[in-house]
Protein backbone atom coordinates (compact mmCIF):
# COMPACT_ATOMS: atom_id res chain seq x y z
CA MET A 1 176.02 50.84 92.39
CA LYS A 2 177.29 54.08 93.85
CA TYR A 3 178.39 53.97 97.48
CA ASN A 4 177.57 57.62 98.12
CA LEU A 5 175.34 56.94 101.16
CA GLN A 6 176.29 55.26 104.41
CA VAL A 7 174.55 53.17 107.06
CA GLY A 8 172.28 55.52 108.98
CA ALA A 9 171.31 57.69 105.99
CA THR A 10 167.58 58.47 106.02
CA ARG A 11 164.89 59.75 103.69
CA ILE A 12 161.41 60.85 104.68
CA PHE A 13 158.24 60.43 102.63
CA GLN A 14 154.67 61.38 103.46
CA LYS A 15 151.55 59.61 102.20
CA LEU A 16 147.92 60.64 102.65
CA VAL A 17 145.74 57.58 103.35
CA THR A 18 142.82 57.58 100.89
CA GLU A 19 139.80 55.39 100.25
CA ALA A 20 141.87 53.53 97.63
CA ASP A 21 144.26 52.40 100.40
CA LEU A 22 141.61 50.66 102.52
CA ALA A 23 141.62 46.91 103.13
CA ARG A 24 139.46 45.23 100.48
CA PHE A 25 139.22 41.71 99.10
CA ASN A 26 137.40 41.08 95.83
CA GLY A 27 136.06 44.63 95.98
CA GLU A 28 134.52 44.15 99.42
CA LEU A 29 135.62 46.45 102.24
CA VAL A 30 137.09 44.45 105.11
CA HIS A 31 137.83 47.39 107.38
CA ALA A 32 138.23 51.12 106.84
CA VAL A 33 141.94 51.36 107.63
CA CYS A 34 145.06 51.37 105.48
CA SER A 35 145.62 47.84 104.17
CA THR A 36 148.81 45.86 104.54
CA PHE A 37 149.07 45.82 100.74
CA ALA A 38 148.89 49.63 100.51
CA LEU A 39 151.32 49.98 103.40
CA ALA A 40 153.77 47.60 101.70
CA GLN A 41 153.76 49.74 98.57
CA VAL A 42 154.53 52.93 100.45
CA LEU A 43 157.21 51.21 102.57
CA GLU A 44 158.92 50.04 99.39
CA TRP A 45 158.72 53.53 97.90
CA ALA A 46 160.26 55.12 101.00
CA SER A 47 163.25 52.76 100.83
CA ARG A 48 163.47 53.22 97.07
CA LEU A 49 164.20 56.90 97.64
CA LEU A 50 167.56 55.75 99.02
CA VAL A 51 168.07 53.22 96.23
CA LEU A 52 167.47 55.87 93.55
CA GLU A 53 170.42 57.86 94.88
CA MET A 54 172.70 54.82 94.89
CA LYS A 55 171.92 53.00 91.66
CA GLU A 56 173.77 53.73 88.44
CA GLU A 57 171.79 54.91 85.40
CA ASP A 58 172.07 51.49 83.75
CA GLU A 59 170.98 49.63 86.90
CA GLU A 60 167.63 48.77 88.38
CA SER A 61 166.68 47.32 91.72
CA MET A 62 164.24 44.81 93.10
CA GLY A 63 162.92 44.19 96.55
CA THR A 64 163.65 40.84 98.14
CA GLY A 65 161.45 40.91 101.20
CA LEU A 66 159.30 42.84 103.62
CA LEU A 67 158.47 42.34 107.27
CA ILE A 68 155.56 44.50 108.38
CA ARG A 69 154.45 44.90 111.97
CA HIS A 70 151.27 46.86 112.47
CA LYS A 71 151.10 48.83 115.68
CA TYR A 72 148.37 51.36 114.97
CA PRO A 73 145.62 51.71 112.35
CA ALA A 74 145.85 54.46 109.74
CA PHE A 75 142.45 55.87 108.82
CA PRO A 76 141.48 57.77 105.66
CA GLY A 77 142.63 61.36 105.85
CA LYS A 78 145.61 60.46 108.05
CA ILE A 79 149.06 61.43 106.78
CA LEU A 80 151.66 58.71 107.22
CA THR A 81 155.20 59.97 107.69
CA LEU A 82 157.68 57.26 106.73
CA THR A 83 161.35 57.38 107.63
CA ALA A 84 163.56 54.98 105.67
CA THR A 85 167.01 54.28 107.12
CA ILE A 86 169.87 52.30 105.65
CA GLN A 87 170.66 49.52 108.12
CA GLU A 88 173.21 47.54 106.08
CA ILE A 89 175.11 47.73 102.81
CA ASN A 90 176.43 44.33 101.70
CA ALA A 91 178.09 44.55 98.26
CA ASN A 92 175.12 45.37 96.01
CA GLU A 93 172.47 44.65 98.67
CA LEU A 94 170.87 47.52 100.55
CA VAL A 95 168.91 46.69 103.73
CA CYS A 96 166.56 49.41 104.93
CA GLY A 97 164.30 49.81 107.91
CA VAL A 98 161.19 51.95 107.50
CA VAL A 99 159.10 53.35 110.32
CA ALA A 100 155.70 54.91 109.64
């Protein structure tokens, strides 16, 4: 792992909410807003932008947990702007916070 970034470093990613991101179970639409599952994927990607800069070529990473707090719905056509920030670096563990 390269230690080329410090606590407080940020990366920004934007995601357009599409029909594919809506909350569905077994193919049935639950509600027409971005699902927790879709949000989790984009949160992980935003933090991975930091990881990609820090990992060595022969390394890979894996997520170990997510805590998601919904405050507002995201409807189709809405652009989510996600800001990932390094909160802690503990040896080879990177802890990021992401705000959408």
